[in-house]
Amino acid sequence: MIIAIFNSVKLNSSKYYQFIVFEKAVNLFKENKHLSPEGKLEMMNLHKKIKKDNYYLALKILIIFI
């Protein structure tokens, strides 16, 4: 599984935080917690975190190249 690979080879960039969020989502899914109302809310929050981080990363890159 991809999670085992990235747990053995640590990421040294901003992608590490996104991997942690992704791992939480996968664990919720594996444990079928995404089916409960609380689990659905947690999945939505994890999705928002990843989207927000990508937005801020894109802004930083844009500022650097302007």
C-alpha atoms as a PDB file:
ATOM      1  CA  MET A   1       0.000   0.000   0.000  1.00  0.00           C
ATOM      2  CA  ILE A   2       1.187   3.514  -0.785  1.00  0.00           C
ATOM      3  CA  ILE A   3       0.872   4.611   2.865  1.00  0.00           C
ATOM      4  CA  ALA A   4       3.451   2.025   3.958  1.00  0.00           C
ATOM      5  CA  ILE A   5       5.904   3.295   1.335  1.00  0.00           C
ATOM      6  CA  PHE A   6       5.628   6.907   2.456  1.00  0.00           C
ATOM      7  CA  ASN A   7       5.810   5.932   6.122  1.00  0.00           C
ATOM      8  CA  SER A   8       9.147   4.236   5.475  1.00  0.00           C
ATOM      9  CA  VAL A   9      10.511   7.041   3.255  1.00  0.00           C
ATOM     10  CA  LYS A  10       9.708  10.362   4.898  1.00  0.00           C
ATOM     11  CA  LEU A  11       8.827  13.322   2.716  1.00  0.00           C
ATOM     12  CA  ASN A  12      10.942  16.418   3.329  1.00  0.00           C
ATOM     13  CA  SER A  13       8.695  19.033   1.804  1.00  0.00           C
ATOM     14  CA  SER A  14       5.337  20.672   2.258  1.00  0.00           C
ATOM     15  CA  LYS A  15       3.821  17.492   0.805  1.00  0.00           C
ATOM     16  CA  TYR A  16       4.463  15.744   4.133  1.00  0.00           C
ATOM     17  CA  TYR A  17       1.613  17.665   5.770  1.00  0.00           C
ATOM     18  CA  GLN A  18      -0.691  16.764   2.887  1.00  0.00           C
ATOM     19  CA  PHE A  19       0.335  13.132   3.250  1.00  0.00           C
ATOM     20  CA  ILE A  20      -0.611  13.186   6.946  1.00  0.00           C
ATOM     21  CA  VAL A  21      -4.054  14.542   6.044  1.00  0.00           C
ATOM     22  CA  PHE A  22      -4.390  11.935   3.273  1.00  0.00           C
ATOM     23  CA  GLU A  23      -3.408   9.161   5.682  1.00  0.00           C
ATOM     24  CA  LYS A  24      -6.107  10.279   8.135  1.00  0.00           C
ATOM     25  CA  ALA A  25      -8.705  10.155   5.352  1.00  0.00           C
ATOM     26  CA  VAL A  26      -7.604   6.680   4.269  1.00  0.00           C
ATOM     27  CA  ASN A  27      -7.801   5.417   7.844  1.00  0.00           C
ATOM     28  CA  LEU A  28     -11.318   6.819   8.225  1.00  0.00           C
ATOM     29  CA  PHE A  29     -12.279   5.051   5.022  1.00  0.00           C
ATOM     30  CA  LYS A  30     -10.671   1.738   6.027  1.00  0.00           C
ATOM     31  CA  GLU A  31     -12.477   1.745   9.373  1.00  0.00           C
ATOM     32  CA  ASN A  32     -15.814   2.632   7.678  1.00  0.00           C
ATOM     33  CA  LYS A  33     -16.055   5.727   9.857  1.00  0.00           C
ATOM     34  CA  HIS A  34     -16.753   7.812   6.736  1.00  0.00           C
ATOM     35  CA  LEU A  35     -20.284   6.345   6.756  1.00  0.00           C
ATOM     36  CA  SER A  36     -21.308   8.048  10.002  1.00  0.00           C
ATOM     37  CA  PRO A  37     -22.344  11.714  10.069  1.00  0.00           C
ATOM     38  CA  GLU A  38     -19.284  12.581  12.174  1.00  0.00           C
ATOM     39  CA  GLY A  39     -17.019  10.697   9.786  1.00  0.00           C
ATOM     40  CA  LYS A  40     -18.492  12.472   6.760  1.00  0.00           C
ATOM     41  CA  LEU A  41     -17.881  15.805   8.443  1.00  0.00           C
ATOM     42  CA  GLU A  42     -14.295  14.801   9.246  1.00  0.00           C
ATOM     43  CA  MET A  43     -13.716  13.728   5.619  1.00  0.00           C
ATOM     44  CA  MET A  44     -15.049  17.090   4.412  1.00  0.00           C
ATOM     45  CA  ASN A  45     -12.750  18.925   6.834  1.00  0.00           C
ATOM     46  CA  LEU A  46      -9.742  16.915   5.658  1.00  0.00           C
ATOM     47  CA  HIS A  47     -10.638  17.722   2.048  1.00  0.00           C
ATOM     48  CA  LYS A  48     -10.853  21.419   2.882  1.00  0.00           C
ATOM     49  CA  LYS A  49      -7.410  21.303   4.520  1.00  0.00           C
ATOM     50  CA  ILE A  50      -5.815  19.846   1.410  1.00  0.00           C
ATOM     51  CA  LYS A  51      -7.593  22.298  -0.902  1.00  0.00           C
ATOM     52  CA  LYS A  52      -6.645  25.276   1.283  1.00  0.00           C
ATOM     53  CA  ASP A  53      -3.005  24.225   1.408  1.00  0.00           C
ATOM     54  CA  ASN A  54      -2.891  23.869  -2.381  1.00  0.00           C
ATOM     55  CA  TYR A  55      -4.396  27.348  -2.765  1.00  0.00           C
ATOM     56  CA  TYR A  56      -1.821  28.957  -0.469  1.00  0.00           C
ATOM     57  CA  LEU A  57       1.011  27.063  -2.128  1.00  0.00           C
ATOM     58  CA  ALA A  58      -0.139  28.303  -5.529  1.00  0.00           C
ATOM     59  CA  LEU A  59      -0.248  31.871  -4.205  1.00  0.00           C
ATOM     60  CA  LYS A  60       3.300  31.589  -2.831  1.00  0.00           C
ATOM     61  CA  ILE A  61       4.595  30.281  -6.152  1.00  0.00           C
ATOM     62  CA  LEU A  62       2.799  33.059  -8.025  1.00  0.00           C
ATOM     63  CA  ILE A  63       4.280  35.725  -5.751  1.00  0.00           C
ATOM     64  CA  ILE A  64       7.782  34.311  -6.204  1.00  0.00           C
ATOM     65  CA  PHE A  65       7.576  34.440 -10.004  1.00  0.00           C
ATOM     66  CA  ILE A  66       5.988  37.905 -10.263  1.00  0.00           C
END
